[in-house]
Amino acid sequence: MPEEQLVKVNIDGIPVEVTAGTTILNAARQIGGDIVPPAMCYYSKLSGSGGKCRTCLVKVSKGSEKDPRPMPKLVASCRTTVMDGMEVQNITSPEVIEARKGIVEMLLLNHPLDCPICDQAGECSLQDLGYEHGAAKTRYEFERRQFERIDIGDKIQLHMTRCILCYRCVFVADQITDHRIHGILNRGDHSEISTYIHHAVDNDFSGNVIDVCPVGALTDKTFRFKNRVWFTKPV
């Protein structure tokens, strides 16, 4: 077998050597710690995931050794592969921090701030980002988009008002079940998760669909309000 080609990349001043084709996000994850960009729509086991929520934006201040020009705009680290000699800024870039703060504000435009009564509280990526980057109050003055809670299966309840349209639940159903019956309907700010013709999600992997949701949009009806994550112990 041919040897894997390794490339060197510098992220927030920390060098790391990774396999060619690795994304900036996964290169940062090899380093670990605070320099890892947040990512709510990317899931490493799901093909095609990423590029939706934009929370993982970073600044590429040097493209590569061959072409050292910086990239003109912030890039999604979950979809951008590293180049040999690339230099990346995440938490060391005020531009990135300001952009991420704006993205969090946008994600919270319609999202209810009901963390104390949400089943996802304590393990919610958006809750973490809200605490880190969120402002104390919103500038949004218009009516928020709201949905009624609906059951989309005997085990799944959908609270679309909390959904950030990360597509992770759709990718799970596409890639590990025989027949996906839910997806994204409509376009733009009218987009929503729903089942087709009010079918129910009824398969052996419905729990996986719930599990990949990074917020509290999909919850397990058999576990709702039974316990808090910080009271549970991993097995």
Foldseek 3Di string as FASTA:
>chain_A
DDDFDWAWEAEQNRIDIDGFPAFQQVRVVVVDDPSRFDFQLDDPVFPPFDDQLQSQWWWWCQQEPVGGHTDPDTDRRRPHTHYHHIYIYAVVDPVNLVVNLVSLLVLCQQADPPLVQFQCRPQASSVVSCVVRNDPDHPDDDDHDADDWDAQAPWKIFGFSRASQSCPLVSCCVPPHDDDFWDWDDDDPVTTIDGDPSHHPDDPCVVVSQVSRNHRRIDTPVCRPVDHPVPDDDD
